[in-house]
């Protein structure tokens, strides 16, 4: 990573309890850093709060901006933030900070190790005992889907749904073009970034990160029914990709 300018994209929905804490504590990620709040569908004061922080700079020199997302779902919020980003490295930051801020530079360091043609991600899965922030069904599901999608994507996946993923702005422009030519597969975005990244030749690389309990607010997967629905969606998406994958042809076109 030479001369890094990092854009951290933070999707928010009903996160009024987390916003000021993020503003007051977020530090630069190895270079000039901006944090972009992208709000969508909140029923609390989240949009009002981030509007007040728009174009403000915190005590650590991180510049903040705020936008409302285009479309619905976390994937659309992230895409909105990526489009507004001014940095050459883009990283997703979840508002719950279950992946602590101190872990984020580890993910960005993967670019120095492997180069820019990667999709960098955290890996929260370290075997037993599980982190307290995981429900058992989520923990077991993540282990199943890491192997399921490793087979489907024909590459090693260590953590399919870690929210902290990063890529370069140049890679985003290529991924966006490919994604728009087909369709968004996953409203959360985890499969979109891995699948379409794979199609344009971005190798997924992982680094172990801590995973801690959410400090404020509630998970968007709030009950057993929504967790099973999420798991079923992940499984059926895998079958769709298995039937339609053709990234070898896409890589030749983009090369």
C-alpha atoms as a PDB file:
ATOM      1  CA  UNK A   1       0.000   0.000   0.000  1.00  0.00           C
ATOM      2  CA  UNK A   2       1.757   3.143  -1.197  1.00  0.00           C
ATOM      3  CA  UNK A   3       0.271   6.529  -0.259  1.00  0.00           C
ATOM      4  CA  UNK A   4      -2.943   4.994   1.089  1.00  0.00           C
ATOM      5  CA  UNK A   5      -6.058   7.133   1.175  1.00  0.00           C
ATOM      6  CA  UNK A   6      -8.657   4.991   2.915  1.00  0.00           C
ATOM      7  CA  UNK A   7     -12.424   5.349   2.630  1.00  0.00           C
ATOM      8  CA  UNK A   8     -14.283   3.467   5.375  1.00  0.00           C
ATOM      9  CA  UNK A   9     -17.906   2.797   4.423  1.00  0.00           C
ATOM     10  CA  UNK A  10     -20.276   2.436   7.379  1.00  0.00           C
ATOM     11  CA  UNK A  11     -23.859   1.385   6.504  1.00  0.00           C
ATOM     12  CA  UNK A  12     -26.356   2.342   9.193  1.00  0.00           C
ATOM     13  CA  UNK A  13     -29.987   1.566   9.881  1.00  0.00           C
ATOM     14  CA  UNK A  14     -31.409   2.318  13.321  1.00  0.00           C
ATOM     15  CA  UNK A  15     -27.928   2.869  14.754  1.00  0.00           C
ATOM     16  CA  UNK A  16     -28.434   6.144  16.646  1.00  0.00           C
ATOM     17  CA  UNK A  17     -26.768   4.665  19.733  1.00  0.00           C
ATOM     18  CA  UNK A  18     -23.545   3.897  17.816  1.00  0.00           C
ATOM     19  CA  UNK A  19     -23.034   6.959  15.634  1.00  0.00           C
ATOM     20  CA  UNK A  20     -21.495   9.426  18.089  1.00  0.00           C
ATOM     21  CA  UNK A  21     -19.233   6.729  19.512  1.00  0.00           C
ATOM     22  CA  UNK A  22     -17.900   6.009  16.014  1.00  0.00           C
ATOM     23  CA  UNK A  23     -17.311   9.708  15.366  1.00  0.00           C
ATOM     24  CA  UNK A  24     -15.512  10.233  18.669  1.00  0.00           C
ATOM     25  CA  UNK A  25     -13.287   7.127  18.557  1.00  0.00           C
ATOM     26  CA  UNK A  26     -12.524   6.328  14.902  1.00  0.00           C
ATOM     27  CA  UNK A  27      -8.826   6.728  14.057  1.00  0.00           C
ATOM     28  CA  UNK A  28      -6.940   6.857  10.735  1.00  0.00           C
ATOM     29  CA  UNK A  29      -6.334   3.481   9.083  1.00  0.00           C
ATOM     30  CA  UNK A  30      -2.691   3.761   8.089  1.00  0.00           C
ATOM     31  CA  UNK A  31      -3.001   6.969   6.073  1.00  0.00           C
ATOM     32  CA  UNK A  32      -5.437   9.736   5.193  1.00  0.00           C
ATOM     33  CA  UNK A  33      -8.859   8.405   6.193  1.00  0.00           C
ATOM     34  CA  UNK A  34     -12.476   9.357   5.633  1.00  0.00           C
ATOM     35  CA  UNK A  35     -15.525   7.605   7.028  1.00  0.00           C
ATOM     36  CA  UNK A  36     -18.733   7.662   5.012  1.00  0.00           C
ATOM     37  CA  UNK A  37     -22.007   6.960   6.803  1.00  0.00           C
ATOM     38  CA  UNK A  38     -24.657   5.571   4.456  1.00  0.00           C
ATOM     39  CA  UNK A  39     -28.113   5.593   6.023  1.00  0.00           C
ATOM     40  CA  UNK A  40     -31.134   3.695   4.762  1.00  0.00           C
ATOM     41  CA  UNK A  41     -34.541   2.882   6.198  1.00  0.00           C
ATOM     42  CA  UNK A  42     -33.979   4.018   9.776  1.00  0.00           C
ATOM     43  CA  UNK A  43     -36.897   4.501  12.143  1.00  0.00           C
ATOM     44  CA  UNK A  44     -34.831   6.395  14.718  1.00  0.00           C
ATOM     45  CA  UNK A  45     -32.709   9.560  14.566  1.00  0.00           C
ATOM     46  CA  UNK A  46     -29.798   8.009  12.657  1.00  0.00           C
ATOM     47  CA  UNK A  47     -30.164  10.181   9.547  1.00  0.00           C
ATOM     48  CA  UNK A  48     -30.511  13.339  11.628  1.00  0.00           C
ATOM     49  CA  UNK A  49     -27.340  12.518  13.567  1.00  0.00           C
ATOM     50  CA  UNK A  50     -25.142  11.695  10.588  1.00  0.00           C
ATOM     51  CA  UNK A  51     -26.340  14.820   8.772  1.00  0.00           C
ATOM     52  CA  UNK A  52     -24.957  16.837  11.675  1.00  0.00           C
ATOM     53  CA  UNK A  53     -21.595  15.085  11.260  1.00  0.00           C
ATOM     54  CA  UNK A  54     -21.449  15.567   7.484  1.00  0.00           C
ATOM     55  CA  UNK A  55     -18.153  17.268   6.496  1.00  0.00           C
ATOM     56  CA  UNK A  56     -16.944  17.269  10.111  1.00  0.00           C
ATOM     57  CA  UNK A  57     -13.477  16.091  11.171  1.00  0.00           C
ATOM     58  CA  UNK A  58     -12.948  14.332  14.493  1.00  0.00           C
ATOM     59  CA  UNK A  59     -10.101  14.795  16.988  1.00  0.00           C
ATOM     60  CA  UNK A  60      -7.971  12.182  15.180  1.00  0.00           C
ATOM     61  CA  UNK A  61      -8.220  13.840  11.777  1.00  0.00           C
ATOM     62  CA  UNK A  62     -10.762  11.467  10.228  1.00  0.00           C
ATOM     63  CA  UNK A  63     -13.125  13.300   7.873  1.00  0.00           C
ATOM     64  CA  UNK A  64     -16.802  12.290   7.930  1.00  0.00           C
ATOM     65  CA  UNK A  65     -19.443  12.460   5.253  1.00  0.00           C
ATOM     66  CA  UNK A  66     -23.043  11.177   5.171  1.00  0.00           C
ATOM     67  CA  UNK A  67     -25.417  10.035   2.421  1.00  0.00           C
ATOM     68  CA  UNK A  68     -28.682   8.198   2.087  1.00  0.00           C
ATOM     69  CA  UNK A  69     -28.408   4.983   0.198  1.00  0.00           C
ATOM     70  CA  UNK A  70     -29.742   4.330  -3.279  1.00  0.00           C
ATOM     71  CA  UNK A  71     -31.901   1.192  -3.206  1.00  0.00           C
ATOM     72  CA  UNK A  72     -32.451  -1.048  -0.181  1.00  0.00           C
ATOM     73  CA  UNK A  73     -30.375  -3.554   1.731  1.00  0.00           C
ATOM     74  CA  UNK A  74     -26.830  -3.444   3.059  1.00  0.00           C
ATOM     75  CA  UNK A  75     -25.285  -4.263  -0.343  1.00  0.00           C
ATOM     76  CA  UNK A  76     -26.905  -1.179  -1.878  1.00  0.00           C
ATOM     77  CA  UNK A  77     -25.755   0.956   1.064  1.00  0.00           C
ATOM     78  CA  UNK A  78     -22.177  -0.234   0.628  1.00  0.00           C
ATOM     79  CA  UNK A  79     -22.332   0.358  -3.138  1.00  0.00           C
ATOM     80  CA  UNK A  80     -23.618   3.900  -2.517  1.00  0.00           C
ATOM     81  CA  UNK A  81     -20.682   4.538  -0.199  1.00  0.00           C
ATOM     82  CA  UNK A  82     -18.171   3.048  -2.613  1.00  0.00           C
ATOM     83  CA  UNK A  83     -19.458   5.370  -5.342  1.00  0.00           C
ATOM     84  CA  UNK A  84     -19.008   8.408  -3.080  1.00  0.00           C
ATOM     85  CA  UNK A  85     -15.578   7.379  -1.801  1.00  0.00           C
ATOM     86  CA  UNK A  86     -12.513   9.502  -2.554  1.00  0.00           C
ATOM     87  CA  UNK A  87      -9.943   7.010  -1.290  1.00  0.00           C
ATOM     88  CA  UNK A  88      -7.942   4.497  -3.280  1.00  0.00           C
ATOM     89  CA  UNK A  89      -8.653   1.761  -0.718  1.00  0.00           C
ATOM     90  CA  UNK A  90     -12.234   1.025   0.342  1.00  0.00           C
ATOM     91  CA  UNK A  91     -13.166  -0.929   3.462  1.00  0.00           C
ATOM     92  CA  UNK A  92     -16.570  -1.800   4.920  1.00  0.00           C
ATOM     93  CA  UNK A  93     -16.984  -0.977   8.610  1.00  0.00           C
ATOM     94  CA  UNK A  94     -20.013  -2.308  10.469  1.00  0.00           C
ATOM     95  CA  UNK A  95     -21.594   0.165  12.857  1.00  0.00           C
ATOM     96  CA  UNK A  96     -21.800  -2.416  15.643  1.00  0.00           C
ATOM     97  CA  UNK A  97     -17.962  -2.586  15.711  1.00  0.00           C
ATOM     98  CA  UNK A  98     -18.057  -6.318  16.441  1.00  0.00           C
ATOM     99  CA  UNK A  99     -14.824  -6.336  14.437  1.00  0.00           C
ATOM    100  CA  UNK A 100     -12.958  -3.747  16.542  1.00  0.00           C
ATOM    101  CA  UNK A 101     -11.362  -0.777  14.823  1.00  0.00           C
ATOM    102  CA  UNK A 102      -7.881  -1.945  15.862  1.00  0.00           C
ATOM    103  CA  UNK A 103      -8.374  -5.048  13.687  1.00  0.00           C
ATOM    104  CA  UNK A 104      -9.102  -3.115  10.482  1.00  0.00           C
ATOM    105  CA  UNK A 105      -5.450  -2.273   9.627  1.00  0.00           C
ATOM    106  CA  UNK A 106      -4.772  -6.028   9.581  1.00  0.00           C
ATOM    107  CA  UNK A 107      -7.211  -6.363   6.699  1.00  0.00           C
ATOM    108  CA  UNK A 108      -5.710  -3.435   4.810  1.00  0.00           C
ATOM    109  CA  UNK A 109      -2.208  -4.862   5.315  1.00  0.00           C
ATOM    110  CA  UNK A 110      -3.176  -7.739   3.002  1.00  0.00           C
ATOM    111  CA  UNK A 111      -2.739  -5.352   0.056  1.00  0.00           C
ATOM    112  CA  UNK A 112       0.918  -4.846   0.978  1.00  0.00           C
ATOM    113  CA  UNK A 113       1.339  -8.607   1.217  1.00  0.00           C
ATOM    114  CA  UNK A 114      -0.555  -9.722  -1.910  1.00  0.00           C
ATOM    115  CA  UNK A 115      -0.931  -6.635  -4.107  1.00  0.00           C
ATOM    116  CA  UNK A 116      -4.051  -4.762  -5.164  1.00  0.00           C
ATOM    117  CA  UNK A 117      -5.819  -7.496  -7.165  1.00  0.00           C
ATOM    118  CA  UNK A 118      -7.428  -9.042  -4.103  1.00  0.00           C
ATOM    119  CA  UNK A 119     -10.599  -8.853  -2.049  1.00  0.00           C
ATOM    120  CA  UNK A 120      -9.329  -8.512   1.525  1.00  0.00           C
ATOM    121  CA  UNK A 121     -11.437  -9.798   4.398  1.00  0.00           C
ATOM    122  CA  UNK A 122     -11.375 -10.571   8.076  1.00  0.00           C
ATOM    123  CA  UNK A 123     -11.675 -14.145   9.323  1.00  0.00           C
ATOM    124  CA  UNK A 124     -13.559 -14.448  12.601  1.00  0.00           C
ATOM    125  CA  UNK A 125     -13.580 -18.277  12.730  1.00  0.00           C
ATOM    126  CA  UNK A 126     -10.876 -19.835  14.882  1.00  0.00           C
ATOM    127  CA  UNK A 127     -12.455 -23.076  16.023  1.00  0.00           C
ATOM    128  CA  UNK A 128     -13.870 -23.645  19.495  1.00  0.00           C
ATOM    129  CA  UNK A 129     -14.556 -21.874  21.749  1.00  0.00           C
ATOM    130  CA  UNK A 130     -16.701 -19.514  19.734  1.00  0.00           C
ATOM    131  CA  UNK A 131     -16.650 -15.741  20.342  1.00  0.00           C
ATOM    132  CA  UNK A 132     -19.438 -14.533  22.630  1.00  0.00           C
ATOM    133  CA  UNK A 133     -20.798 -12.339  19.844  1.00  0.00           C
ATOM    134  CA  UNK A 134     -21.797 -15.391  17.778  1.00  0.00           C
ATOM    135  CA  UNK A 135     -25.067 -17.236  18.293  1.00  0.00           C
ATOM    136  CA  UNK A 136     -24.444 -20.975  17.909  1.00  0.00           C
ATOM    137  CA  UNK A 137     -26.572 -21.244  14.773  1.00  0.00           C
ATOM    138  CA  UNK A 138     -24.632 -18.362  13.176  1.00  0.00           C
ATOM    139  CA  UNK A 139     -21.316 -19.878  14.173  1.00  0.00           C
ATOM    140  CA  UNK A 140     -22.090 -23.329  12.795  1.00  0.00           C
ATOM    141  CA  UNK A 141     -23.655 -21.806   9.681  1.00  0.00           C
ATOM    142  CA  UNK A 142     -20.521 -19.766   8.988  1.00  0.00           C
ATOM    143  CA  UNK A 143     -18.373 -22.877   9.198  1.00  0.00           C
ATOM    144  CA  UNK A 144     -20.672 -24.749   6.820  1.00  0.00           C
ATOM    145  CA  UNK A 145     -20.805 -21.923   4.282  1.00  0.00           C
ATOM    146  CA  UNK A 146     -17.032 -21.348   4.257  1.00  0.00           C
ATOM    147  CA  UNK A 147     -16.607 -24.863   2.820  1.00  0.00           C
ATOM    148  CA  UNK A 148     -19.767 -24.707   0.714  1.00  0.00           C
ATOM    149  CA  UNK A 149     -18.660 -21.516  -1.037  1.00  0.00           C
ATOM    150  CA  UNK A 150     -15.033 -22.626  -1.252  1.00  0.00           C
ATOM    151  CA  UNK A 151     -16.298 -25.469  -3.451  1.00  0.00           C
ATOM    152  CA  UNK A 152     -18.679 -23.279  -5.449  1.00  0.00           C
ATOM    153  CA  UNK A 153     -16.229 -20.415  -6.028  1.00  0.00           C
ATOM    154  CA  UNK A 154     -13.310 -22.800  -6.572  1.00  0.00           C
ATOM    155  CA  UNK A 155     -11.115 -20.892  -4.146  1.00  0.00           C
ATOM    156  CA  UNK A 156     -10.388 -20.980  -0.423  1.00  0.00           C
ATOM    157  CA  UNK A 157     -12.933 -19.073   1.647  1.00  0.00           C
ATOM    158  CA  UNK A 158     -12.187 -18.744   5.345  1.00  0.00           C
ATOM    159  CA  UNK A 159     -15.147 -16.582   6.421  1.00  0.00           C
ATOM    160  CA  UNK A 160     -18.036 -15.991   4.038  1.00  0.00           C
ATOM    161  CA  UNK A 161     -19.912 -13.278   5.928  1.00  0.00           C
ATOM    162  CA  UNK A 162     -17.389 -11.185   7.826  1.00  0.00           C
ATOM    163  CA  UNK A 163     -18.667  -7.638   7.384  1.00  0.00           C
ATOM    164  CA  UNK A 164     -15.169  -6.147   7.158  1.00  0.00           C
ATOM    165  CA  UNK A 165     -14.088  -6.523   3.532  1.00  0.00           C
ATOM    166  CA  UNK A 166     -11.847  -4.240   1.464  1.00  0.00           C
ATOM    167  CA  UNK A 167     -10.850  -3.636  -2.148  1.00  0.00           C
ATOM    168  CA  UNK A 168      -9.270  -0.871  -4.214  1.00  0.00           C
ATOM    169  CA  UNK A 169     -11.312   1.844  -5.908  1.00  0.00           C
ATOM    170  CA  UNK A 170     -10.103   0.569  -9.308  1.00  0.00           C
ATOM    171  CA  UNK A 171     -11.307  -2.941  -8.478  1.00  0.00           C
ATOM    172  CA  UNK A 172     -14.667  -1.516  -7.372  1.00  0.00           C
ATOM    173  CA  UNK A 173     -15.207   0.138 -10.752  1.00  0.00           C
ATOM    174  CA  UNK A 174     -14.602  -3.191 -12.511  1.00  0.00           C
ATOM    175  CA  UNK A 175     -16.701  -5.164 -10.025  1.00  0.00           C
ATOM    176  CA  UNK A 176     -19.523  -2.616 -10.267  1.00  0.00           C
ATOM    177  CA  UNK A 177     -19.605  -2.881 -14.054  1.00  0.00           C
ATOM    178  CA  UNK A 178     -19.804  -6.675 -13.952  1.00  0.00           C
ATOM    179  CA  UNK A 179     -22.393  -6.640 -11.151  1.00  0.00           C
ATOM    180  CA  UNK A 180     -24.634  -4.158 -12.982  1.00  0.00           C
ATOM    181  CA  UNK A 181     -24.419  -6.214 -16.174  1.00  0.00           C
ATOM    182  CA  UNK A 182     -25.989  -9.134 -14.314  1.00  0.00           C
ATOM    183  CA  UNK A 183     -27.743  -8.421 -11.024  1.00  0.00           C
ATOM    184  CA  UNK A 184     -27.255  -8.036  -7.306  1.00  0.00           C
ATOM    185  CA  UNK A 185     -27.475 -11.511  -5.804  1.00  0.00           C
ATOM    186  CA  UNK A 186     -27.368 -10.816  -2.106  1.00  0.00           C
ATOM    187  CA  UNK A 187     -29.071  -7.976  -0.218  1.00  0.00           C
ATOM    188  CA  UNK A 188     -26.318  -8.198   2.444  1.00  0.00           C
ATOM    189  CA  UNK A 189     -23.534  -8.043  -0.129  1.00  0.00           C
ATOM    190  CA  UNK A 190     -21.247 -10.782   1.191  1.00  0.00           C
ATOM    191  CA  UNK A 191     -21.824 -13.075  -1.781  1.00  0.00           C
ATOM    192  CA  UNK A 192     -21.891 -10.210  -4.290  1.00  0.00           C
ATOM    193  CA  UNK A 193     -18.391  -9.018  -3.401  1.00  0.00           C
ATOM    194  CA  UNK A 194     -16.926 -12.532  -3.405  1.00  0.00           C
ATOM    195  CA  UNK A 195     -18.711 -13.805  -6.515  1.00  0.00           C
ATOM    196  CA  UNK A 196     -18.326 -10.762  -8.751  1.00  0.00           C
ATOM    197  CA  UNK A 197     -14.855 -10.182  -7.372  1.00  0.00           C
ATOM    198  CA  UNK A 198     -14.016 -13.744  -8.394  1.00  0.00           C
ATOM    199  CA  UNK A 199     -15.382 -13.057 -11.881  1.00  0.00           C
ATOM    200  CA  UNK A 200     -13.002 -10.135 -12.424  1.00  0.00           C
ATOM    201  CA  UNK A 201     -10.018 -12.021 -11.038  1.00  0.00           C
ATOM    202  CA  UNK A 202      -9.868 -10.724  -7.456  1.00  0.00           C
ATOM    203  CA  UNK A 203      -8.491 -13.450  -5.222  1.00  0.00           C
ATOM    204  CA  UNK A 204     -10.039 -13.453  -1.724  1.00  0.00           C
ATOM    205  CA  UNK A 205      -7.436 -13.152   1.025  1.00  0.00           C
ATOM    206  CA  UNK A 206      -8.120 -13.401   4.742  1.00  0.00           C
ATOM    207  CA  UNK A 207      -6.550 -12.466   8.049  1.00  0.00           C
ATOM    208  CA  UNK A 208      -7.726 -13.519  11.497  1.00  0.00           C
ATOM    209  CA  UNK A 209      -9.523 -10.789  13.413  1.00  0.00           C
ATOM    210  CA  UNK A 210     -11.134 -10.583  16.824  1.00  0.00           C
ATOM    211  CA  UNK A 211     -14.912 -10.651  16.993  1.00  0.00           C
ATOM    212  CA  UNK A 212     -16.479  -9.071  20.056  1.00  0.00           C
ATOM    213  CA  UNK A 213     -19.923  -8.432  21.448  1.00  0.00           C
ATOM    214  CA  UNK A 214     -21.948  -5.586  20.020  1.00  0.00           C
ATOM    215  CA  UNK A 215     -21.649  -2.571  22.295  1.00  0.00           C
ATOM    216  CA  UNK A 216     -24.985  -0.929  21.421  1.00  0.00           C
ATOM    217  CA  UNK A 217     -28.185  -1.757  19.543  1.00  0.00           C
ATOM    218  CA  UNK A 218     -29.448  -5.076  18.183  1.00  0.00           C
ATOM    219  CA  UNK A 219     -28.387  -7.411  15.411  1.00  0.00           C
ATOM    220  CA  UNK A 220     -30.455  -7.154  12.222  1.00  0.00           C
ATOM    221  CA  UNK A 221     -30.813 -10.964  12.411  1.00  0.00           C
ATOM    222  CA  UNK A 222     -32.878 -10.730  15.564  1.00  0.00           C
ATOM    223  CA  UNK A 223     -34.526 -14.138  15.886  1.00  0.00           C
ATOM    224  CA  UNK A 224     -34.268 -17.781  14.922  1.00  0.00           C
ATOM    225  CA  UNK A 225     -36.647 -17.409  11.960  1.00  0.00           C
ATOM    226  CA  UNK A 226     -34.619 -14.634  10.292  1.00  0.00           C
ATOM    227  CA  UNK A 227     -31.407 -16.603  10.839  1.00  0.00           C
ATOM    228  CA  UNK A 228     -32.849 -19.681   9.126  1.00  0.00           C
ATOM    229  CA  UNK A 229     -34.173 -17.502   6.301  1.00  0.00           C
ATOM    230  CA  UNK A 230     -30.702 -16.035   5.874  1.00  0.00           C
ATOM    231  CA  UNK A 231     -29.142 -19.510   5.811  1.00  0.00           C
ATOM    232  CA  UNK A 232     -31.652 -20.729   3.208  1.00  0.00           C
ATOM    233  CA  UNK A 233     -30.937 -17.688   1.045  1.00  0.00           C
ATOM    234  CA  UNK A 234     -27.194 -18.334   1.261  1.00  0.00           C
ATOM    235  CA  UNK A 235     -27.699 -21.968   0.260  1.00  0.00           C
ATOM    236  CA  UNK A 236     -29.937 -21.218  -2.742  1.00  0.00           C
ATOM    237  CA  UNK A 237     -27.572 -18.476  -3.929  1.00  0.00           C
ATOM    238  CA  UNK A 238     -24.818 -21.057  -3.961  1.00  0.00           C
ATOM    239  CA  UNK A 239     -26.882 -23.325  -6.223  1.00  0.00           C
ATOM    240  CA  UNK A 240     -27.556 -20.394  -8.568  1.00  0.00           C
ATOM    241  CA  UNK A 241     -23.857 -19.567  -8.789  1.00  0.00           C
ATOM    242  CA  UNK A 242     -22.945 -23.206  -9.336  1.00  0.00           C
ATOM    243  CA  UNK A 243     -25.305 -23.289 -12.311  1.00  0.00           C
ATOM    244  CA  UNK A 244     -24.251 -19.934 -13.810  1.00  0.00           C
ATOM    245  CA  UNK A 245     -20.584 -19.429 -12.919  1.00  0.00           C
ATOM    246  CA  UNK A 246     -18.430 -18.425 -15.893  1.00  0.00           C
ATOM    247  CA  UNK A 247     -15.658 -16.278 -14.411  1.00  0.00           C
ATOM    248  CA  UNK A 248     -12.968 -17.913 -16.519  1.00  0.00           C
ATOM    249  CA  UNK A 249     -14.520 -16.300 -19.615  1.00  0.00           C
ATOM    250  CA  UNK A 250     -14.985 -12.995 -17.747  1.00  0.00           C
ATOM    251  CA  UNK A 251     -11.344 -12.936 -16.621  1.00  0.00           C
ATOM    252  CA  UNK A 252     -10.228 -13.347 -20.236  1.00  0.00           C
ATOM    253  CA  UNK A 253     -12.490 -10.477 -21.300  1.00  0.00           C
ATOM    254  CA  UNK A 254     -11.165  -8.177 -18.538  1.00  0.00           C
ATOM    255  CA  UNK A 255      -7.487  -9.048 -19.042  1.00  0.00           C
END
